[in-house]
Amino acid sequence: MDVYVLSAHGSVNFGVKYTVPANCSVVFYTKFGVPLSNSEALKIQTAVARGLPSPVRAVALYNGGAQMPGTITVTGDNHIFYSGVVEAPDATVIKVLYAGTDYTLDSILQELLARSPGGVTVHYLACLGAEEYARWVAENGPAESAELEPA
C-alpha cells in the first residue's frame, strides 16, 4: 500500500454516512468535533511523509468497507499553511488543495486509488468539523455514531 498525507481544513456532514472504498485505509489523529492543531499536524506530516512513524498516536483507523459517521469535505488554506496531498516516503506533493475550493474525501481517495491501484493508506490531518459537530449535538443530542472507532 502506498502512503499519503492529506493536510487541509475539514468539515463533516453528519447526516450522511460514508463507506471507505476497498483497498483504502484512513488514519485519523483526532475525534470528530475536536480540532487538530497546526503544530501537531506538522509533526505528523514531517514524520509520515518521510516514511517515519507518527510521533502522535492515531485515534482511529477506517479500512475499506468500514462506515464513517459522516461525509468529509476539505478545502485548502494556503495562507497559514499549504494544503494538499503528499506521497511518502519522499514527501512529494502530488496534489495542491486550493483555498476556496471544496474537495470531498471520497474524490481524493478515488484519485489516489487510480494512482496506486494496489491500495492506499491516507493520514488525515485536518479538523473534523468542531462547529458542525456542536450544531449536530445541539439539534440531535450526543450520538455514539459521531465518535471514531478506536485505532
N, C-alpha and C. Protein backbone atom coordinates (compact mmCIF):
# COMPACT_ATOMS: atom_id res chain seq x y z
N MET A 1 0.84 -1.19 0.00
CA MET A 1 0.00 0.00 0.00
C MET A 1 0.88 1.24 0.00
N ASP A 2 0.52 2.19 -0.84
CA ASP A 2 1.23 3.47 -0.86
C ASP A 2 0.68 4.35 0.25
N VAL A 3 1.54 5.21 0.79
CA VAL A 3 1.18 6.05 1.93
C VAL A 3 1.13 7.51 1.49
N TYR A 4 0.06 8.20 1.92
CA TYR A 4 -0.14 9.60 1.60
C TYR A 4 -0.53 10.36 2.86
N VAL A 5 -0.27 11.67 2.84
CA VAL A 5 -0.70 12.56 3.91
C VAL A 5 -1.61 13.61 3.28
N LEU A 6 -2.82 13.75 3.82
CA LEU A 6 -3.77 14.76 3.38
C LEU A 6 -3.82 15.84 4.45
N SER A 7 -3.45 17.06 4.07
CA SER A 7 -3.41 18.17 5.01
C SER A 7 -4.28 19.30 4.49
N ALA A 8 -5.33 19.67 5.25
CA ALA A 8 -6.28 20.68 4.79
C ALA A 8 -7.18 21.11 5.94
N HIS A 9 -8.14 21.98 5.63
CA HIS A 9 -9.25 22.28 6.54
C HIS A 9 -10.35 21.28 6.24
N GLY A 10 -11.05 20.79 7.26
CA GLY A 10 -12.10 19.80 7.03
C GLY A 10 -13.41 20.18 7.67
N SER A 11 -14.49 19.66 7.09
CA SER A 11 -15.82 19.78 7.69
C SER A 11 -16.55 18.46 7.44
N VAL A 12 -17.53 18.19 8.28
CA VAL A 12 -18.22 16.89 8.23
C VAL A 12 -19.72 17.10 8.10
N ASN A 13 -20.35 16.32 7.23
CA ASN A 13 -21.80 16.27 7.13
C ASN A 13 -22.23 15.01 7.88
N PHE A 14 -22.74 15.18 9.09
CA PHE A 14 -23.11 14.03 9.90
C PHE A 14 -24.42 13.40 9.47
N GLY A 15 -25.13 14.02 8.51
CA GLY A 15 -26.41 13.47 8.07
C GLY A 15 -26.26 12.31 7.10
N VAL A 16 -25.07 12.10 6.58
CA VAL A 16 -24.84 11.05 5.57
C VAL A 16 -23.63 10.22 5.96
N LYS A 17 -23.80 8.92 6.10
CA LYS A 17 -22.66 8.05 6.40
C LYS A 17 -21.81 7.86 5.15
N TYR A 18 -20.56 7.50 5.35
CA TYR A 18 -19.64 7.31 4.23
C TYR A 18 -18.94 5.96 4.38
N THR A 19 -18.90 5.20 3.29
CA THR A 19 -18.21 3.91 3.29
C THR A 19 -16.85 4.08 2.63
N VAL A 20 -15.81 3.72 3.34
CA VAL A 20 -14.44 3.82 2.82
C VAL A 20 -14.28 2.82 1.69
N PRO A 21 -13.71 3.26 0.55
CA PRO A 21 -13.54 2.33 -0.58
C PRO A 21 -12.60 1.17 -0.24
N ALA A 22 -12.78 0.07 -0.97
CA ALA A 22 -11.88 -1.08 -0.84
C ALA A 22 -10.46 -0.66 -1.14
N ASN A 23 -9.50 -1.33 -0.54
CA ASN A 23 -8.07 -1.05 -0.72
C ASN A 23 -7.66 0.31 -0.19
N CYS A 24 -8.44 0.86 0.74
CA CYS A 24 -8.12 2.16 1.35
C CYS A 24 -8.11 2.01 2.87
N SER A 25 -7.20 2.70 3.49
CA SER A 25 -7.21 2.87 4.94
C SER A 25 -7.05 4.36 5.20
N VAL A 26 -7.85 4.88 6.14
CA VAL A 26 -7.76 6.29 6.50
C VAL A 26 -7.44 6.37 7.99
N VAL A 27 -6.35 7.05 8.32
CA VAL A 27 -5.88 7.17 9.70
C VAL A 27 -6.24 8.56 10.21
N PHE A 28 -6.87 8.61 11.39
CA PHE A 28 -7.26 9.88 11.99
C PHE A 28 -6.50 10.09 13.29
N TYR A 29 -6.19 11.34 13.57
CA TYR A 29 -5.44 11.69 14.78
C TYR A 29 -6.27 12.51 15.76
N THR A 30 -7.54 12.72 15.44
CA THR A 30 -8.45 13.42 16.34
C THR A 30 -9.86 12.89 16.12
N LYS A 31 -10.71 13.01 17.14
CA LYS A 31 -12.09 12.56 17.02
C LYS A 31 -12.92 13.64 16.33
N PHE A 32 -14.08 13.24 15.82
CA PHE A 32 -15.00 14.21 15.25
C PHE A 32 -15.30 15.28 16.29
N GLY A 33 -15.32 16.53 15.84
CA GLY A 33 -15.62 17.64 16.72
C GLY A 33 -14.43 18.19 17.46
N VAL A 34 -13.26 17.58 17.31
CA VAL A 34 -12.06 18.02 18.02
C VAL A 34 -11.06 18.56 17.00
N PRO A 35 -10.63 19.82 17.16
CA PRO A 35 -9.67 20.37 16.20
C PRO A 35 -8.30 19.72 16.33
N LEU A 36 -7.56 19.70 15.24
CA LEU A 36 -6.18 19.24 15.22
C LEU A 36 -5.31 20.48 15.05
N SER A 37 -4.41 20.73 15.98
CA SER A 37 -3.59 21.93 15.91
C SER A 37 -2.61 21.86 14.74
N ASN A 38 -2.27 23.02 14.22
CA ASN A 38 -1.30 23.07 13.12
C ASN A 38 0.03 22.47 13.54
N SER A 39 0.44 22.69 14.79
CA SER A 39 1.74 22.17 15.24
C SER A 39 1.74 20.64 15.30
N GLU A 40 0.63 20.05 15.76
CA GLU A 40 0.53 18.58 15.80
C GLU A 40 0.52 18.03 14.38
N ALA A 41 -0.25 18.67 13.50
CA ALA A 41 -0.32 18.20 12.11
C ALA A 41 1.04 18.28 11.44
N LEU A 42 1.79 19.33 11.72
CA LEU A 42 3.12 19.48 11.12
C LEU A 42 4.06 18.38 11.60
N LYS A 43 3.99 18.04 12.89
CA LYS A 43 4.82 16.95 13.42
C LYS A 43 4.50 15.63 12.72
N ILE A 44 3.21 15.36 12.56
CA ILE A 44 2.79 14.11 11.93
C ILE A 44 3.23 14.08 10.47
N GLN A 45 2.93 15.17 9.75
CA GLN A 45 3.27 15.20 8.32
C GLN A 45 4.77 15.09 8.10
N THR A 46 5.55 15.77 8.90
CA THR A 46 7.01 15.73 8.74
C THR A 46 7.52 14.30 8.87
N ALA A 47 7.00 13.56 9.83
CA ALA A 47 7.45 12.18 10.03
C ALA A 47 6.90 11.25 8.96
N VAL A 48 5.59 11.20 8.80
CA VAL A 48 4.95 10.22 7.92
C VAL A 48 5.37 10.44 6.46
N ALA A 49 5.45 11.68 6.02
CA ALA A 49 5.81 11.96 4.63
C ALA A 49 7.24 11.53 4.30
N ARG A 50 8.02 11.28 5.32
CA ARG A 50 9.40 10.81 5.13
C ARG A 50 9.55 9.33 5.47
N GLY A 51 8.42 8.65 5.64
CA GLY A 51 8.44 7.21 5.88
C GLY A 51 8.72 6.82 7.31
N LEU A 52 8.61 7.78 8.24
CA LEU A 52 8.85 7.50 9.67
C LEU A 52 7.53 7.33 10.40
N PRO A 53 7.54 6.71 11.56
CA PRO A 53 6.31 6.57 12.33
C PRO A 53 5.84 7.93 12.85
N SER A 54 4.54 8.08 12.99
CA SER A 54 3.98 9.32 13.52
C SER A 54 4.38 9.48 14.98
N PRO A 55 4.77 10.71 15.39
CA PRO A 55 5.07 10.95 16.79
C PRO A 55 3.80 11.15 17.62
N VAL A 56 2.65 11.22 16.96
CA VAL A 56 1.37 11.41 17.62
C VAL A 56 0.55 10.15 17.41
N ARG A 57 -0.06 9.65 18.46
CA ARG A 57 -0.85 8.41 18.39
C ARG A 57 -2.14 8.64 17.61
N ALA A 58 -2.43 7.76 16.69
CA ALA A 58 -3.70 7.80 15.95
C ALA A 58 -4.84 7.44 16.89
N VAL A 59 -6.01 8.04 16.66
CA VAL A 59 -7.17 7.70 17.47
C VAL A 59 -8.13 6.78 16.73
N ALA A 60 -7.97 6.67 15.40
CA ALA A 60 -8.89 5.82 14.64
C ALA A 60 -8.28 5.40 13.32
N LEU A 61 -8.72 4.26 12.86
CA LEU A 61 -8.32 3.72 11.56
C LEU A 61 -9.57 3.14 10.92
N TYR A 62 -9.92 3.64 9.75
CA TYR A 62 -11.04 3.09 8.98
C TYR A 62 -10.47 2.39 7.76
N ASN A 63 -10.74 1.10 7.62
CA ASN A 63 -10.29 0.32 6.48
C ASN A 63 -11.42 0.20 5.47
N GLY A 64 -11.08 -0.19 4.24
CA GLY A 64 -12.06 -0.35 3.18
C GLY A 64 -13.28 -1.13 3.62
N GLY A 65 -14.45 -0.60 3.30
CA GLY A 65 -15.71 -1.23 3.69
C GLY A 65 -16.29 -0.70 4.98
N ALA A 66 -15.47 -0.05 5.81
CA ALA A 66 -15.96 0.49 7.08
C ALA A 66 -16.81 1.73 6.83
N GLN A 67 -17.84 1.91 7.66
CA GLN A 67 -18.67 3.10 7.56
C GLN A 67 -18.21 4.16 8.53
N MET A 68 -18.02 5.38 8.01
CA MET A 68 -17.70 6.53 8.84
C MET A 68 -19.00 7.25 9.16
N PRO A 69 -19.07 7.96 10.29
CA PRO A 69 -20.33 8.59 10.71
C PRO A 69 -20.73 9.82 9.90
N GLY A 70 -19.94 10.22 8.94
CA GLY A 70 -20.30 11.37 8.12
C GLY A 70 -19.40 11.48 6.91
N THR A 71 -19.84 12.28 5.94
CA THR A 71 -19.01 12.56 4.78
C THR A 71 -18.13 13.76 5.08
N ILE A 72 -16.93 13.76 4.54
CA ILE A 72 -15.95 14.81 4.84
C ILE A 72 -15.67 15.61 3.58
N THR A 73 -15.66 16.93 3.76
CA THR A 73 -15.25 17.86 2.71
C THR A 73 -14.04 18.62 3.22
N VAL A 74 -13.04 18.77 2.38
CA VAL A 74 -11.85 19.54 2.77
C VAL A 74 -11.68 20.70 1.80
N THR A 75 -10.97 21.71 2.27
CA THR A 75 -10.62 22.86 1.44
C THR A 75 -9.22 23.31 1.80
N GLY A 76 -8.60 24.00 0.90
CA GLY A 76 -7.25 24.49 1.13
C GLY A 76 -7.22 25.71 2.03
N ASP A 77 -6.04 26.02 2.51
CA ASP A 77 -5.82 27.21 3.32
C ASP A 77 -4.93 28.17 2.53
N ASN A 78 -3.68 27.75 2.32
CA ASN A 78 -2.71 28.49 1.52
C ASN A 78 -2.42 29.90 2.04
N HIS A 79 -2.80 30.18 3.29
CA HIS A 79 -2.45 31.45 3.92
C HIS A 79 -1.56 31.19 5.14
N ILE A 80 -2.02 30.29 6.01
CA ILE A 80 -1.23 29.93 7.19
C ILE A 80 -0.31 28.76 6.86
N PHE A 81 -0.81 27.83 6.08
CA PHE A 81 -0.03 26.67 5.65
C PHE A 81 -0.53 26.26 4.28
N TYR A 82 0.23 25.47 3.58
CA TYR A 82 -0.20 24.98 2.28
C TYR A 82 -0.95 23.67 2.47
N SER A 83 -2.01 23.51 1.73
CA SER A 83 -2.85 22.32 1.83
C SER A 83 -2.65 21.44 0.61
N GLY A 84 -2.71 20.13 0.84
CA GLY A 84 -2.57 19.24 -0.29
C GLY A 84 -2.38 17.80 0.15
N VAL A 85 -1.94 17.00 -0.82
CA VAL A 85 -1.67 15.59 -0.59
C VAL A 85 -0.20 15.35 -0.91
N VAL A 86 0.48 14.71 0.05
CA VAL A 86 1.91 14.43 -0.07
C VAL A 86 2.09 12.91 -0.07
N GLU A 87 2.97 12.42 -0.94
CA GLU A 87 3.26 10.99 -1.01
C GLU A 87 4.52 10.68 -0.21
N ALA A 88 4.44 9.63 0.61
CA ALA A 88 5.60 9.16 1.36
C ALA A 88 6.29 8.09 0.53
N PRO A 89 7.52 7.80 0.73
CA PRO A 89 8.41 8.30 1.76
C PRO A 89 9.27 9.49 1.32
N ASP A 90 9.04 10.01 0.12
CA ASP A 90 9.93 11.09 -0.33
C ASP A 90 9.31 12.47 -0.25
N ALA A 91 8.15 12.60 0.41
CA ALA A 91 7.48 13.88 0.65
C ALA A 91 7.18 14.64 -0.64
N THR A 92 6.78 13.92 -1.68
CA THR A 92 6.43 14.54 -2.96
C THR A 92 5.00 15.07 -2.91
N VAL A 93 4.83 16.36 -3.21
CA VAL A 93 3.49 16.94 -3.28
C VAL A 93 2.86 16.45 -4.59
N ILE A 94 1.73 15.74 -4.48
CA ILE A 94 1.08 15.23 -5.69
C ILE A 94 -0.22 15.95 -6.00
N LYS A 95 -0.76 16.69 -5.03
CA LYS A 95 -2.00 17.44 -5.28
C LYS A 95 -2.03 18.64 -4.36
N VAL A 96 -2.29 19.80 -4.94
CA VAL A 96 -2.48 21.02 -4.17
C VAL A 96 -3.97 21.23 -3.98
N LEU A 97 -4.38 21.55 -2.75
CA LEU A 97 -5.78 21.86 -2.47
C LEU A 97 -5.88 23.37 -2.31
N TYR A 98 -6.64 24.00 -3.17
CA TYR A 98 -6.69 25.46 -3.22
C TYR A 98 -7.72 26.04 -2.26
N ALA A 99 -7.40 27.18 -1.68
CA ALA A 99 -8.33 27.89 -0.80
C ALA A 99 -9.59 28.24 -1.57
N GLY A 100 -10.73 28.08 -0.93
CA GLY A 100 -12.00 28.42 -1.56
C GLY A 100 -12.56 27.33 -2.46
N THR A 101 -11.85 26.22 -2.61
CA THR A 101 -12.32 25.11 -3.43
C THR A 101 -12.59 23.92 -2.51
N ASP A 102 -13.78 23.33 -2.63
CA ASP A 102 -14.13 22.17 -1.82
C ASP A 102 -13.78 20.88 -2.56
N TYR A 103 -13.25 19.93 -1.80
CA TYR A 103 -12.92 18.60 -2.31
C TYR A 103 -13.53 17.61 -1.33
N THR A 104 -14.13 16.54 -1.84
CA THR A 104 -14.64 15.53 -0.91
C THR A 104 -13.51 14.54 -0.61
N LEU A 105 -13.57 13.97 0.57
CA LEU A 105 -12.60 12.93 0.90
C LEU A 105 -12.72 11.79 -0.10
N ASP A 106 -13.95 11.46 -0.50
CA ASP A 106 -14.14 10.38 -1.46
C ASP A 106 -13.43 10.67 -2.79
N SER A 107 -13.55 11.89 -3.31
CA SER A 107 -12.91 12.20 -4.59
C SER A 107 -11.40 12.10 -4.48
N ILE A 108 -10.85 12.50 -3.34
CA ILE A 108 -9.40 12.41 -3.14
C ILE A 108 -8.98 10.94 -3.05
N LEU A 109 -9.74 10.14 -2.29
CA LEU A 109 -9.40 8.72 -2.17
C LEU A 109 -9.49 8.02 -3.53
N GLN A 110 -10.50 8.34 -4.32
CA GLN A 110 -10.64 7.73 -5.65
C GLN A 110 -9.46 8.11 -6.54
N GLU A 111 -9.04 9.36 -6.46
CA GLU A 111 -7.89 9.82 -7.25
C GLU A 111 -6.61 9.08 -6.84
N LEU A 112 -6.43 8.90 -5.53
CA LEU A 112 -5.25 8.18 -5.04
C LEU A 112 -5.29 6.71 -5.42
N LEU A 113 -6.47 6.10 -5.38
CA LEU A 113 -6.59 4.70 -5.79
C LEU A 113 -6.28 4.52 -7.27
N ALA A 114 -6.66 5.49 -8.09
CA ALA A 114 -6.34 5.42 -9.53
C ALA A 114 -4.83 5.50 -9.73
N ARG A 115 -4.17 6.25 -8.87
CA ARG A 115 -2.71 6.41 -8.94
C ARG A 115 -2.00 5.19 -8.36
N SER A 116 -2.59 4.59 -7.33
CA SER A 116 -1.99 3.46 -6.60
C SER A 116 -3.00 2.33 -6.48
N PRO A 117 -3.23 1.57 -7.57
CA PRO A 117 -4.28 0.55 -7.56
C PRO A 117 -4.05 -0.57 -6.54
N GLY A 118 -2.83 -0.72 -6.05
CA GLY A 118 -2.55 -1.73 -5.04
C GLY A 118 -3.08 -1.38 -3.67
N GLY A 119 -3.55 -0.15 -3.49
CA GLY A 119 -4.13 0.28 -2.22
C GLY A 119 -3.40 1.48 -1.65
N VAL A 120 -4.11 2.19 -0.77
CA VAL A 120 -3.54 3.40 -0.17
C VAL A 120 -3.85 3.46 1.32
N THR A 121 -2.93 4.06 2.04
CA THR A 121 -3.17 4.46 3.42
C THR A 121 -3.04 5.98 3.43
N VAL A 122 -4.07 6.65 3.91
CA VAL A 122 -4.08 8.12 3.93
C VAL A 122 -4.13 8.58 5.38
N HIS A 123 -3.15 9.38 5.75
CA HIS A 123 -3.12 10.01 7.07
C HIS A 123 -3.85 11.34 6.95
N TYR A 124 -4.99 11.45 7.62
CA TYR A 124 -5.87 12.61 7.50
C TYR A 124 -5.49 13.64 8.55
N LEU A 125 -4.99 14.79 8.10
CA LEU A 125 -4.56 15.85 9.01
C LEU A 125 -5.41 17.09 8.77
N ALA A 126 -6.57 17.10 9.36
CA ALA A 126 -7.46 18.25 9.26
C ALA A 126 -8.43 18.18 10.42
N CYS A 127 -9.02 19.31 10.74
CA CYS A 127 -10.05 19.31 11.76
C CYS A 127 -11.23 18.49 11.26
N LEU A 128 -11.95 17.94 12.18
CA LEU A 128 -13.12 17.14 11.82
C LEU A 128 -14.40 17.85 12.24
N GLY A 129 -14.51 19.10 11.87
CA GLY A 129 -15.78 19.81 11.98
C GLY A 129 -16.25 20.10 13.38
N ALA A 130 -15.47 20.82 14.18
CA ALA A 130 -15.88 21.16 15.54
C ALA A 130 -17.19 21.94 15.54
N GLU A 131 -17.34 22.92 14.66
CA GLU A 131 -18.56 23.71 14.60
C GLU A 131 -19.74 22.86 14.14
N GLU A 132 -19.53 22.04 13.12
CA GLU A 132 -20.60 21.19 12.62
C GLU A 132 -21.04 20.19 13.69
N TYR A 133 -20.07 19.64 14.42
CA TYR A 133 -20.39 18.68 15.47
C TYR A 133 -21.19 19.35 16.58
N ALA A 134 -20.82 20.57 16.95
CA ALA A 134 -21.56 21.29 18.01
C ALA A 134 -23.01 21.52 17.56
N ARG A 135 -23.21 21.88 16.29
CA ARG A 135 -24.58 22.07 15.78
C ARG A 135 -25.34 20.74 15.80
N TRP A 136 -24.67 19.67 15.39
CA TRP A 136 -25.30 18.35 15.37
C TRP A 136 -25.74 17.94 16.77
N VAL A 137 -24.89 18.12 17.75
CA VAL A 137 -25.22 17.75 19.13
C VAL A 137 -26.37 18.61 19.64
N ALA A 138 -26.36 19.92 19.31
CA ALA A 138 -27.42 20.82 19.75
C ALA A 138 -28.78 20.39 19.17
N GLU A 139 -28.77 19.92 17.93
CA GLU A 139 -30.01 19.52 17.27
C GLU A 139 -30.44 18.10 17.59
N ASN A 140 -29.48 17.19 17.78
CA ASN A 140 -29.79 15.77 17.88
C ASN A 140 -29.39 15.12 19.20
N GLY A 141 -28.63 15.82 20.01
CA GLY A 141 -28.08 15.22 21.21
C GLY A 141 -26.85 14.41 20.87
N PRO A 142 -26.05 14.07 21.89
CA PRO A 142 -24.84 13.28 21.62
C PRO A 142 -25.21 11.95 20.97
N ALA A 143 -24.40 11.56 19.99
CA ALA A 143 -24.67 10.30 19.30
C ALA A 143 -23.40 9.48 19.26
N GLU A 144 -23.51 8.21 19.57
CA GLU A 144 -22.33 7.33 19.51
C GLU A 144 -21.76 7.30 18.10
N SER A 145 -22.60 7.46 17.09
CA SER A 145 -22.14 7.39 15.72
C SER A 145 -21.23 8.56 15.36
N ALA A 146 -21.19 9.58 16.19
CA ALA A 146 -20.33 10.73 15.91
C ALA A 146 -18.92 10.55 16.47
N GLU A 147 -18.67 9.42 17.09
CA GLU A 147 -17.33 9.14 17.63
C GLU A 147 -16.59 8.21 16.68
N LEU A 148 -15.30 8.39 16.59
CA LEU A 148 -14.48 7.49 15.78
C LEU A 148 -14.25 6.19 16.52
N GLU A 149 -14.03 5.16 15.78
CA GLU A 149 -13.68 3.88 16.36
C GLU A 149 -12.25 3.93 16.86
N PRO A 150 -11.92 3.25 17.95
CA PRO A 150 -10.53 3.26 18.43
C PRO A 150 -9.58 2.66 17.41
N ALA A 151 -8.37 3.18 17.39
CA ALA A 151 -7.37 2.68 16.45
C ALA A 151 -6.92 1.30 16.87
